[in-house]
Amino acid sequence: MELYRGRPEDAAQRLEKERRTYDLLDSLGIAYWRTDHEPAQTIAQCNDIDAVLDVVICKNLFLCNRQETQFYLLMMPGDKPFKTKQLSAQLGVARLSFGKAEAMERLLDLTPGSVSVMGLMNDPDCHVQLLIDEDVLKDPFIGCHPCINTSSLKLATRDLLEIYLPAVHHEPIIVHLENLDTMEE
């Protein structure tokens, strides 16, 4: 894997949703770095990608309420365990679960394994609420996929918050997820 600045030279050969990601970032003047790779199936592969980007790629979870009427995209550190009970209590939602692949594709144009904050550009009606664990905001850079899991991006956290999210009309809710292994689901 190599680190590149900006969009791939062969962008015409990429999926349209990936090209839209680069087009939007470029039009907003957001600097980013990219690496291409095989789909990451193991923690070791993720660690290799993180090392190339010099950033920890966020864990991104697509969630919904029991009735599947409210949808959420949660960004959290990859090494932090996810506790549904804890997040449900903070949001005042009776029960959160993982959203179905069909809803993810319909709302964000994403498939399992490629969930990313970049998918919010495909949600102009804001059906998906962005949730960001406060620990993600402590790093000056974030790592994410450009709507496909065979590339990964690194961009400034400030650019995500101050430029990208306003451009796609999504206001995040900052959440506090404990990093305690003793917490119960």
N, C-alpha and C. Protein backbone atom coordinates (compact mmCIF):
# COMPACT_ATOMS: atom_id res chain seq x y z
N MET A 1 0.84 -1.18 0.00
CA MET A 1 0.00 0.00 0.00
C MET A 1 0.88 1.24 0.00
N GLU A 2 0.42 2.22 -0.74
CA GLU A 2 1.11 3.49 -0.80
C GLU A 2 0.16 4.60 -0.40
N LEU A 3 0.74 5.71 0.05
CA LEU A 3 -0.04 6.88 0.42
C LEU A 3 0.00 7.89 -0.72
N TYR A 4 -1.17 8.34 -1.12
CA TYR A 4 -1.30 9.31 -2.21
C TYR A 4 -2.03 10.54 -1.69
N ARG A 5 -1.74 11.68 -2.27
CA ARG A 5 -2.47 12.90 -1.94
C ARG A 5 -3.57 13.07 -2.98
N GLY A 6 -4.81 13.16 -2.51
CA GLY A 6 -5.92 13.43 -3.40
C GLY A 6 -6.46 12.21 -4.14
N ARG A 7 -7.26 12.50 -5.15
CA ARG A 7 -8.00 11.49 -5.91
C ARG A 7 -7.05 10.62 -6.73
N PRO A 8 -7.51 9.41 -7.06
CA PRO A 8 -6.69 8.54 -7.90
C PRO A 8 -6.64 9.04 -9.35
N GLU A 9 -5.51 8.80 -9.99
CA GLU A 9 -5.38 9.17 -11.40
C GLU A 9 -6.37 8.41 -12.27
N ASP A 10 -6.69 7.20 -11.87
CA ASP A 10 -7.59 6.34 -12.64
C ASP A 10 -9.03 6.43 -12.13
N ALA A 11 -9.45 7.60 -11.67
CA ALA A 11 -10.77 7.75 -11.05
C ALA A 11 -11.90 7.33 -11.99
N ALA A 12 -11.70 7.45 -13.28
CA ALA A 12 -12.76 7.06 -14.23
C ALA A 12 -13.06 5.57 -14.13
N GLN A 13 -12.12 4.79 -13.65
CA GLN A 13 -12.30 3.34 -13.51
C GLN A 13 -12.94 2.96 -12.17
N ARG A 14 -13.16 3.92 -11.31
CA ARG A 14 -13.71 3.66 -9.97
C ARG A 14 -15.24 3.70 -10.01
N LEU A 15 -15.86 3.18 -8.96
CA LEU A 15 -17.31 3.24 -8.85
C LEU A 15 -17.77 4.69 -8.79
N GLU A 16 -18.95 4.93 -9.31
CA GLU A 16 -19.48 6.29 -9.37
C GLU A 16 -19.60 6.92 -7.99
N LYS A 17 -20.01 6.16 -6.97
CA LYS A 17 -20.15 6.73 -5.63
C LYS A 17 -18.79 7.11 -5.04
N GLU A 18 -17.74 6.39 -5.41
CA GLU A 18 -16.40 6.76 -4.97
C GLU A 18 -15.95 8.05 -5.67
N ARG A 19 -16.21 8.15 -6.96
CA ARG A 19 -15.86 9.37 -7.71
C ARG A 19 -16.62 10.58 -7.14
N ARG A 20 -17.89 10.39 -6.77
CA ARG A 20 -18.66 11.49 -6.17
C ARG A 20 -18.02 11.97 -4.87
N THR A 21 -17.45 11.05 -4.12
CA THR A 21 -16.77 11.43 -2.87
C THR A 21 -15.59 12.35 -3.18
N TYR A 22 -14.75 11.93 -4.13
CA TYR A 22 -13.59 12.76 -4.49
C TYR A 22 -14.04 14.09 -5.07
N ASP A 23 -15.06 14.07 -5.91
CA ASP A 23 -15.57 15.31 -6.51
C ASP A 23 -16.01 16.29 -5.42
N LEU A 24 -16.75 15.79 -4.43
CA LEU A 24 -17.25 16.66 -3.37
C LEU A 24 -16.09 17.21 -2.54
N LEU A 25 -15.19 16.34 -2.10
CA LEU A 25 -14.06 16.80 -1.29
C LEU A 25 -13.24 17.84 -2.05
N ASP A 26 -13.00 17.58 -3.33
CA ASP A 26 -12.23 18.53 -4.14
C ASP A 26 -12.97 19.86 -4.29
N SER A 27 -14.29 19.80 -4.53
CA SER A 27 -15.06 21.03 -4.71
C SER A 27 -15.12 21.86 -3.43
N LEU A 28 -14.99 21.21 -2.28
CA LEU A 28 -15.01 21.90 -0.99
C LEU A 28 -13.62 22.38 -0.57
N GLY A 29 -12.61 22.01 -1.35
CA GLY A 29 -11.24 22.41 -1.03
C GLY A 29 -10.67 21.67 0.16
N ILE A 30 -11.17 20.48 0.43
CA ILE A 30 -10.68 19.68 1.56
C ILE A 30 -9.50 18.84 1.10
N ALA A 31 -8.36 19.00 1.76
CA ALA A 31 -7.18 18.19 1.48
C ALA A 31 -7.38 16.80 2.09
N TYR A 32 -6.96 15.78 1.37
CA TYR A 32 -7.06 14.41 1.88
C TYR A 32 -5.97 13.54 1.29
N TRP A 33 -5.67 12.49 2.02
CA TRP A 33 -4.71 11.48 1.57
C TRP A 33 -5.47 10.19 1.41
N ARG A 34 -4.96 9.33 0.55
CA ARG A 34 -5.68 8.10 0.19
C ARG A 34 -4.70 6.95 0.06
N THR A 35 -5.19 5.77 0.42
CA THR A 35 -4.48 4.54 0.12
C THR A 35 -5.49 3.54 -0.43
N ASP A 36 -5.04 2.74 -1.38
CA ASP A 36 -5.89 1.70 -1.96
C ASP A 36 -5.46 0.35 -1.40
N HIS A 37 -6.41 -0.55 -1.23
CA HIS A 37 -6.11 -1.82 -0.58
C HIS A 37 -7.20 -2.83 -0.89
N GLU A 38 -6.94 -4.06 -0.54
CA GLU A 38 -7.97 -5.10 -0.62
C GLU A 38 -8.99 -4.82 0.49
N PRO A 39 -10.22 -5.30 0.36
CA PRO A 39 -11.18 -5.13 1.45
C PRO A 39 -10.59 -5.67 2.76
N ALA A 40 -10.63 -4.85 3.80
CA ALA A 40 -10.07 -5.25 5.09
C ALA A 40 -11.04 -6.18 5.81
N GLN A 41 -10.61 -7.40 6.03
CA GLN A 41 -11.46 -8.40 6.69
C GLN A 41 -11.00 -8.72 8.11
N THR A 42 -9.76 -8.31 8.44
CA THR A 42 -9.21 -8.63 9.76
C THR A 42 -8.66 -7.38 10.42
N ILE A 43 -8.48 -7.45 11.73
CA ILE A 43 -7.88 -6.34 12.48
C ILE A 43 -6.46 -6.08 11.98
N ALA A 44 -5.73 -7.13 11.67
CA ALA A 44 -4.35 -6.96 11.17
C ALA A 44 -4.34 -6.14 9.88
N GLN A 45 -5.28 -6.41 8.98
CA GLN A 45 -5.37 -5.63 7.74
C GLN A 45 -5.72 -4.18 8.04
N CYS A 46 -6.62 -3.97 8.97
CA CYS A 46 -6.97 -2.59 9.36
C CYS A 46 -5.76 -1.88 9.96
N ASN A 47 -4.99 -2.58 10.76
CA ASN A 47 -3.79 -1.99 11.35
C ASN A 47 -2.79 -1.60 10.27
N ASP A 48 -2.67 -2.41 9.22
CA ASP A 48 -1.76 -2.08 8.11
C ASP A 48 -2.22 -0.80 7.41
N ILE A 49 -3.53 -0.67 7.20
CA ILE A 49 -4.09 0.53 6.56
C ILE A 49 -3.86 1.74 7.45
N ASP A 50 -4.12 1.59 8.76
CA ASP A 50 -3.91 2.68 9.71
C ASP A 50 -2.45 3.15 9.68
N ALA A 51 -1.52 2.20 9.58
CA ALA A 51 -0.10 2.54 9.57
C ALA A 51 0.26 3.36 8.34
N VAL A 52 -0.29 3.02 7.19
CA VAL A 52 -0.01 3.76 5.96
C VAL A 52 -0.58 5.18 6.07
N LEU A 53 -1.80 5.30 6.57
CA LEU A 53 -2.44 6.61 6.69
C LEU A 53 -1.95 7.40 7.91
N ASP A 54 -1.31 6.73 8.86
CA ASP A 54 -0.90 7.34 10.12
C ASP A 54 -2.10 7.93 10.85
N VAL A 55 -3.17 7.16 10.89
CA VAL A 55 -4.40 7.54 11.57
C VAL A 55 -5.18 6.27 11.86
N VAL A 56 -6.03 6.30 12.88
CA VAL A 56 -6.89 5.16 13.17
C VAL A 56 -8.21 5.38 12.44
N ILE A 57 -8.57 4.44 11.58
CA ILE A 57 -9.84 4.54 10.87
C ILE A 57 -10.97 4.31 11.86
N CYS A 58 -11.96 5.17 11.79
CA CYS A 58 -13.10 5.07 12.70
C CYS A 58 -13.91 3.82 12.42
N LYS A 59 -14.48 3.28 13.51
CA LYS A 59 -15.50 2.26 13.38
C LYS A 59 -16.79 3.01 13.08
N ASN A 60 -17.48 2.61 12.03
CA ASN A 60 -18.73 3.26 11.63
C ASN A 60 -19.85 2.23 11.69
N LEU A 61 -20.87 2.52 12.47
CA LEU A 61 -21.97 1.59 12.64
C LEU A 61 -23.27 2.22 12.17
N PHE A 62 -24.02 1.49 11.37
CA PHE A 62 -25.33 1.93 10.89
C PHE A 62 -26.37 1.31 11.81
N LEU A 63 -27.10 2.16 12.52
CA LEU A 63 -28.02 1.70 13.55
C LEU A 63 -29.43 2.21 13.29
N CYS A 64 -30.40 1.59 13.95
CA CYS A 64 -31.78 2.05 13.86
C CYS A 64 -32.52 1.72 15.14
N ASN A 65 -33.68 2.36 15.31
CA ASN A 65 -34.54 2.02 16.43
C ASN A 65 -35.31 0.75 16.10
N ARG A 66 -36.03 0.24 17.06
CA ARG A 66 -36.77 -1.02 16.90
C ARG A 66 -37.76 -0.96 15.74
N GLN A 67 -38.42 0.18 15.56
CA GLN A 67 -39.44 0.32 14.53
C GLN A 67 -38.84 0.59 13.14
N GLU A 68 -37.53 0.80 13.09
CA GLU A 68 -36.82 1.11 11.84
C GLU A 68 -37.36 2.40 11.21
N THR A 69 -37.62 3.38 12.09
CA THR A 69 -38.08 4.69 11.63
C THR A 69 -37.04 5.78 11.87
N GLN A 70 -36.06 5.49 12.72
CA GLN A 70 -34.97 6.41 13.00
C GLN A 70 -33.67 5.69 12.70
N PHE A 71 -32.79 6.37 11.96
CA PHE A 71 -31.52 5.75 11.56
C PHE A 71 -30.37 6.63 12.03
N TYR A 72 -29.27 5.97 12.37
CA TYR A 72 -28.10 6.64 12.93
C TYR A 72 -26.83 6.09 12.28
N LEU A 73 -25.85 6.97 12.14
CA LEU A 73 -24.50 6.56 11.75
C LEU A 73 -23.61 6.95 12.91
N LEU A 74 -23.02 5.96 13.55
CA LEU A 74 -22.16 6.19 14.71
C LEU A 74 -20.70 6.07 14.29
N MET A 75 -19.93 7.13 14.56
CA MET A 75 -18.47 7.11 14.38
C MET A 75 -17.85 6.98 15.75
N MET A 76 -16.98 5.97 15.90
CA MET A 76 -16.34 5.76 17.18
C MET A 76 -14.95 5.18 16.95
N PRO A 77 -14.05 5.27 17.95
CA PRO A 77 -12.74 4.67 17.78
C PRO A 77 -12.86 3.17 17.51
N GLY A 78 -12.02 2.68 16.63
CA GLY A 78 -12.09 1.27 16.23
C GLY A 78 -11.83 0.29 17.36
N ASP A 79 -11.08 0.73 18.38
CA ASP A 79 -10.74 -0.19 19.46
C ASP A 79 -11.69 -0.10 20.66
N LYS A 80 -12.72 0.71 20.55
CA LYS A 80 -13.66 0.87 21.65
C LYS A 80 -14.85 -0.07 21.45
N PRO A 81 -15.23 -0.81 22.50
CA PRO A 81 -16.40 -1.69 22.36
C PRO A 81 -17.69 -0.88 22.29
N PHE A 82 -18.63 -1.39 21.52
CA PHE A 82 -19.93 -0.74 21.36
C PHE A 82 -20.93 -1.36 22.30
N LYS A 83 -21.57 -0.52 23.11
CA LYS A 83 -22.58 -0.96 24.07
C LYS A 83 -23.92 -0.31 23.71
N THR A 84 -24.82 -1.10 23.16
CA THR A 84 -26.09 -0.54 22.69
C THR A 84 -26.89 0.10 23.82
N LYS A 85 -26.89 -0.51 24.99
CA LYS A 85 -27.67 0.01 26.11
C LYS A 85 -27.23 1.42 26.49
N GLN A 86 -25.93 1.62 26.50
CA GLN A 86 -25.37 2.91 26.88
C GLN A 86 -25.77 4.00 25.88
N LEU A 87 -25.65 3.71 24.59
CA LEU A 87 -25.99 4.69 23.56
C LEU A 87 -27.51 4.92 23.51
N SER A 88 -28.28 3.87 23.63
CA SER A 88 -29.74 4.00 23.64
C SER A 88 -30.20 4.95 24.74
N ALA A 89 -29.60 4.84 25.92
CA ALA A 89 -29.96 5.70 27.04
C ALA A 89 -29.63 7.16 26.74
N GLN A 90 -28.48 7.41 26.13
CA GLN A 90 -28.10 8.79 25.81
C GLN A 90 -29.04 9.42 24.79
N LEU A 91 -29.52 8.62 23.86
CA LEU A 91 -30.38 9.13 22.80
C LEU A 91 -31.85 9.14 23.19
N GLY A 92 -32.19 8.44 24.27
CA GLY A 92 -33.59 8.33 24.66
C GLY A 92 -34.38 7.43 23.73
N VAL A 93 -33.67 6.43 23.17
CA VAL A 93 -34.29 5.47 22.25
C VAL A 93 -34.38 4.15 23.00
N ALA A 94 -35.56 3.53 22.98
CA ALA A 94 -35.78 2.31 23.76
C ALA A 94 -34.79 1.21 23.41
N ARG A 95 -34.56 0.99 22.15
CA ARG A 95 -33.66 -0.11 21.77
C ARG A 95 -33.05 0.19 20.41
N LEU A 96 -31.73 0.19 20.35
CA LEU A 96 -31.01 0.34 19.09
C LEU A 96 -30.55 -1.02 18.61
N SER A 97 -30.52 -1.17 17.31
CA SER A 97 -29.94 -2.39 16.72
C SER A 97 -29.26 -1.99 15.43
N PHE A 98 -28.60 -2.94 14.82
CA PHE A 98 -27.94 -2.66 13.56
C PHE A 98 -28.99 -2.55 12.46
N GLY A 99 -28.84 -1.53 11.65
CA GLY A 99 -29.76 -1.32 10.54
C GLY A 99 -29.53 -2.34 9.44
N LYS A 100 -30.56 -2.61 8.69
CA LYS A 100 -30.48 -3.59 7.61
C LYS A 100 -29.70 -3.03 6.43
N ALA A 101 -29.05 -3.93 5.71
CA ALA A 101 -28.26 -3.54 4.54
C ALA A 101 -29.10 -2.81 3.51
N GLU A 102 -30.35 -3.21 3.35
CA GLU A 102 -31.23 -2.57 2.37
C GLU A 102 -31.47 -1.10 2.73
N ALA A 103 -31.68 -0.82 4.01
CA ALA A 103 -31.89 0.56 4.44
C ALA A 103 -30.61 1.37 4.27
N MET A 104 -29.48 0.78 4.58
CA MET A 104 -28.19 1.45 4.42
C MET A 104 -27.95 1.84 2.96
N GLU A 105 -28.25 0.91 2.08
CA GLU A 105 -28.05 1.19 0.65
C GLU A 105 -29.05 2.25 0.16
N ARG A 106 -30.28 2.16 0.61
CA ARG A 106 -31.31 3.11 0.18
C ARG A 106 -31.03 4.52 0.70
N LEU A 107 -30.60 4.63 1.95
CA LEU A 107 -30.42 5.95 2.56
C LEU A 107 -29.05 6.56 2.33
N LEU A 108 -28.00 5.73 2.26
CA LEU A 108 -26.63 6.24 2.17
C LEU A 108 -25.86 5.79 0.94
N ASP A 109 -26.46 4.90 0.13
CA ASP A 109 -25.77 4.32 -1.03
C ASP A 109 -24.47 3.64 -0.60
N LEU A 110 -24.55 2.93 0.54
CA LEU A 110 -23.40 2.20 1.08
C LEU A 110 -23.79 0.74 1.26
N THR A 111 -22.78 -0.12 1.20
CA THR A 111 -22.98 -1.54 1.44
C THR A 111 -22.21 -1.94 2.70
N PRO A 112 -22.61 -3.04 3.35
CA PRO A 112 -21.89 -3.47 4.55
C PRO A 112 -20.39 -3.59 4.26
N GLY A 113 -19.60 -3.13 5.22
CA GLY A 113 -18.14 -3.15 5.06
C GLY A 113 -17.58 -1.85 4.53
N SER A 114 -18.45 -0.99 3.99
CA SER A 114 -17.97 0.29 3.45
C SER A 114 -18.67 1.48 4.11
N VAL A 115 -19.24 1.26 5.28
CA VAL A 115 -19.96 2.32 5.98
C VAL A 115 -18.98 3.44 6.32
N SER A 116 -19.40 4.67 6.03
CA SER A 116 -18.51 5.81 6.19
C SER A 116 -19.32 7.09 6.32
N VAL A 117 -18.74 8.05 7.02
CA VAL A 117 -19.35 9.38 7.12
C VAL A 117 -19.50 10.01 5.74
N MET A 118 -18.71 9.59 4.77
CA MET A 118 -18.82 10.12 3.42
C MET A 118 -20.17 9.76 2.80
N GLY A 119 -20.82 8.72 3.26
CA GLY A 119 -22.13 8.33 2.75
C GLY A 119 -23.22 9.36 3.04
N LEU A 120 -22.97 10.26 3.98
CA LEU A 120 -23.98 11.28 4.29
C LEU A 120 -24.23 12.21 3.12
N MET A 121 -23.29 12.29 2.17
CA MET A 121 -23.52 13.12 0.98
C MET A 121 -24.67 12.55 0.15
N ASN A 122 -25.01 11.28 0.36
CA ASN A 122 -26.09 10.62 -0.38
C ASN A 122 -27.42 10.67 0.37
N ASP A 123 -27.47 11.46 1.44
CA ASP A 123 -28.67 11.57 2.28
C ASP A 123 -29.12 13.03 2.34
N PRO A 124 -29.56 13.59 1.21
CA PRO A 124 -29.92 15.02 1.19
C PRO A 124 -31.11 15.36 2.07
N ASP A 125 -31.96 14.39 2.38
CA ASP A 125 -33.12 14.65 3.22
C ASP A 125 -32.86 14.40 4.70
N CYS A 126 -31.61 14.10 5.03
CA CYS A 126 -31.17 13.93 6.43
C CYS A 126 -32.00 12.89 7.19
N HIS A 127 -32.20 11.74 6.59
CA HIS A 127 -32.89 10.64 7.25
C HIS A 127 -32.00 9.94 8.28
N VAL A 128 -30.67 10.14 8.16
CA VAL A 128 -29.71 9.48 9.05
C VAL A 128 -29.07 10.53 9.94
N GLN A 129 -29.15 10.31 11.25
CA GLN A 129 -28.53 11.22 12.23
C GLN A 129 -27.10 10.76 12.51
N LEU A 130 -26.15 11.66 12.35
CA LEU A 130 -24.75 11.35 12.65
C LEU A 130 -24.50 11.46 14.14
N LEU A 131 -23.87 10.44 14.70
CA LEU A 131 -23.44 10.41 16.09
C LEU A 131 -21.92 10.26 16.08
N ILE A 132 -21.23 11.09 16.83
CA ILE A 132 -19.77 10.99 16.90
C ILE A 132 -19.36 10.83 18.36
N ASP A 133 -18.65 9.76 18.65
CA ASP A 133 -18.11 9.59 20.00
C ASP A 133 -17.06 10.68 20.22
N GLU A 134 -17.10 11.30 21.38
CA GLU A 134 -16.22 12.42 21.67
C GLU A 134 -14.74 12.08 21.51
N ASP A 135 -14.36 10.82 21.68
CA ASP A 135 -12.96 10.44 21.55
C ASP A 135 -12.46 10.58 20.11
N VAL A 136 -13.36 10.47 19.13
CA VAL A 136 -12.97 10.64 17.73
C VAL A 136 -12.48 12.07 17.51
N LEU A 137 -13.07 13.01 18.21
CA LEU A 137 -12.76 14.43 18.02
C LEU A 137 -11.43 14.84 18.65
N LYS A 138 -10.83 13.96 19.43
CA LYS A 138 -9.55 14.27 20.07
C LYS A 138 -8.38 14.20 19.09
N ASP A 139 -8.54 13.46 18.01
CA ASP A 139 -7.48 13.32 17.03
C ASP A 139 -7.58 14.42 15.98
N PRO A 140 -6.44 14.93 15.51
CA PRO A 140 -6.49 15.99 14.49
C PRO A 140 -6.93 15.48 13.12
N PHE A 141 -6.85 14.16 12.90
CA PHE A 141 -7.26 13.57 11.63
C PHE A 141 -8.20 12.40 11.87
N ILE A 142 -9.04 12.15 10.88
CA ILE A 142 -9.89 10.96 10.92
C ILE A 142 -9.61 10.14 9.67
N GLY A 143 -9.88 8.86 9.78
CA GLY A 143 -9.76 7.95 8.65
C GLY A 143 -11.14 7.39 8.33
N CYS A 144 -11.44 7.27 7.03
CA CYS A 144 -12.73 6.74 6.61
C CYS A 144 -12.63 6.21 5.18
N HIS A 145 -13.65 5.51 4.76
CA HIS A 145 -13.71 5.02 3.38
C HIS A 145 -14.41 6.05 2.49
N PRO A 146 -14.04 6.10 1.21
CA PRO A 146 -14.75 6.97 0.27
C PRO A 146 -15.95 6.26 -0.35
N CYS A 147 -16.82 5.73 0.52
CA CYS A 147 -18.05 5.01 0.13
C CYS A 147 -17.77 3.65 -0.50
N ILE A 148 -16.54 3.17 -0.39
CA ILE A 148 -16.16 1.84 -0.89
C ILE A 148 -15.01 1.36 0.00
N ASN A 149 -14.97 0.06 0.29
CA ASN A 149 -13.98 -0.42 1.25
C ASN A 149 -12.67 -0.90 0.64
N THR A 150 -12.36 -0.48 -0.58
CA THR A 150 -11.07 -0.83 -1.18
C THR A 150 -10.14 0.38 -1.22
N SER A 151 -10.55 1.47 -0.61
CA SER A 151 -9.72 2.66 -0.43
C SER A 151 -10.04 3.24 0.94
N SER A 152 -9.08 3.96 1.47
CA SER A 152 -9.29 4.65 2.74
C SER A 152 -8.69 6.04 2.64
N LEU A 153 -9.33 6.97 3.34
CA LEU A 153 -8.93 8.37 3.30
C LEU A 153 -8.51 8.86 4.68
N LYS A 154 -7.68 9.88 4.67
CA LYS A 154 -7.30 10.61 5.88
C LYS A 154 -7.59 12.08 5.61
N LEU A 155 -8.37 12.70 6.50
CA LEU A 155 -8.63 14.12 6.37
C LEU A 155 -8.67 14.76 7.75
N ALA A 156 -8.50 16.06 7.78
CA ALA A 156 -8.49 16.77 9.06
C ALA A 156 -9.87 16.71 9.71
N THR A 157 -9.89 16.41 10.98
CA THR A 157 -11.14 16.37 11.75
C THR A 157 -11.84 17.72 11.64
N ARG A 158 -11.10 18.80 11.70
CA ARG A 158 -11.67 20.14 11.59
C ARG A 158 -12.39 20.32 10.25
N ASP A 159 -11.78 19.82 9.16
CA ASP A 159 -12.43 19.93 7.85
C ASP A 159 -13.72 19.13 7.79
N LEU A 160 -13.72 17.97 8.44
CA LEU A 160 -14.95 17.17 8.50
C LEU A 160 -16.05 17.97 9.19
N LEU A 161 -15.73 18.53 10.34
CA LEU A 161 -16.73 19.23 11.16
C LEU A 161 -17.14 20.59 10.60
N GLU A 162 -16.18 21.34 10.09
CA GLU A 162 -16.46 22.72 9.71
C GLU A 162 -16.79 22.92 8.23
N ILE A 163 -16.40 21.96 7.39
CA ILE A 163 -16.64 22.12 5.96
C ILE A 163 -17.55 21.02 5.41
N TYR A 164 -17.14 19.75 5.59
CA TYR A 164 -17.89 18.65 4.98
C TYR A 164 -19.31 18.53 5.53
N LEU A 165 -19.44 18.43 6.85
CA LEU A 165 -20.78 18.21 7.43
C LEU A 165 -21.74 19.36 7.13
N PRO A 166 -21.33 20.62 7.24
CA PRO A 166 -22.25 21.69 6.83
C PRO A 166 -22.63 21.60 5.34
N ALA A 167 -21.69 21.19 4.51
CA ALA A 167 -21.97 21.09 3.07
C ALA A 167 -23.00 20.02 2.75
N VAL A 168 -23.02 18.93 3.56
CA VAL A 168 -23.99 17.86 3.32
C VAL A 168 -25.20 17.99 4.27
N HIS A 169 -25.26 19.11 5.00
CA HIS A 169 -26.41 19.48 5.85
C HIS A 169 -26.68 18.47 6.96
N HIS A 170 -25.62 17.97 7.58
CA HIS A 170 -25.77 17.05 8.72
C HIS A 170 -25.08 17.65 9.94
N GLU A 171 -25.82 17.75 11.01
CA GLU A 171 -25.32 18.26 12.29
C GLU A 171 -25.10 17.05 13.21
N PRO A 172 -23.87 16.84 13.67
CA PRO A 172 -23.64 15.65 14.51
C PRO A 172 -24.14 15.85 15.94
N ILE A 173 -24.46 14.74 16.56
CA ILE A 173 -24.69 14.69 18.00
C ILE A 173 -23.45 14.05 18.59
N ILE A 174 -22.81 14.73 19.53
CA ILE A 174 -21.61 14.19 20.17
C ILE A 174 -22.06 13.32 21.34
N VAL A 175 -21.57 12.09 21.37
CA VAL A 175 -21.94 11.16 22.43
C VAL A 175 -20.70 10.75 23.22
N HIS A 176 -20.94 10.24 24.40
CA HIS A 176 -19.87 9.77 25.27
C HIS A 176 -20.07 8.28 25.50
N LEU A 177 -19.20 7.48 24.90
CA LEU A 177 -19.27 6.04 25.08
C LEU A 177 -18.14 5.61 26.00
N GLU A 178 -18.49 4.94 27.07
CA GLU A 178 -17.49 4.45 28.01
C GLU A 178 -16.64 3.37 27.36
N ASN A 179 -15.42 3.30 27.80
CA ASN A 179 -14.50 2.27 27.30
C ASN A 179 -14.25 1.26 28.42
N LEU A 180 -15.34 0.73 28.97
CA LEU A 180 -15.23 -0.21 30.09
C LEU A 180 -15.68 -1.58 29.64
N ASP A 181 -14.81 -2.55 29.79
CA ASP A 181 -15.16 -3.93 29.42
C ASP A 181 -16.16 -4.55 30.37
N THR A 182 -16.36 -3.93 31.51
CA THR A 182 -17.26 -4.52 32.51
C THR A 182 -18.70 -4.11 32.31
N MET A 183 -18.96 -3.19 31.38
CA MET A 183 -20.34 -2.75 31.17
C MET A 183 -21.15 -3.85 30.52
N GLU A 184 -22.41 -3.93 30.86
CA GLU A 184 -23.30 -4.94 30.33
C GLU A 184 -23.96 -4.45 29.06
N GLU A 185 -24.26 -5.35 28.14
CA GLU A 185 -25.05 -5.00 26.94
C GLU A 185 -26.40 -4.71 27.44
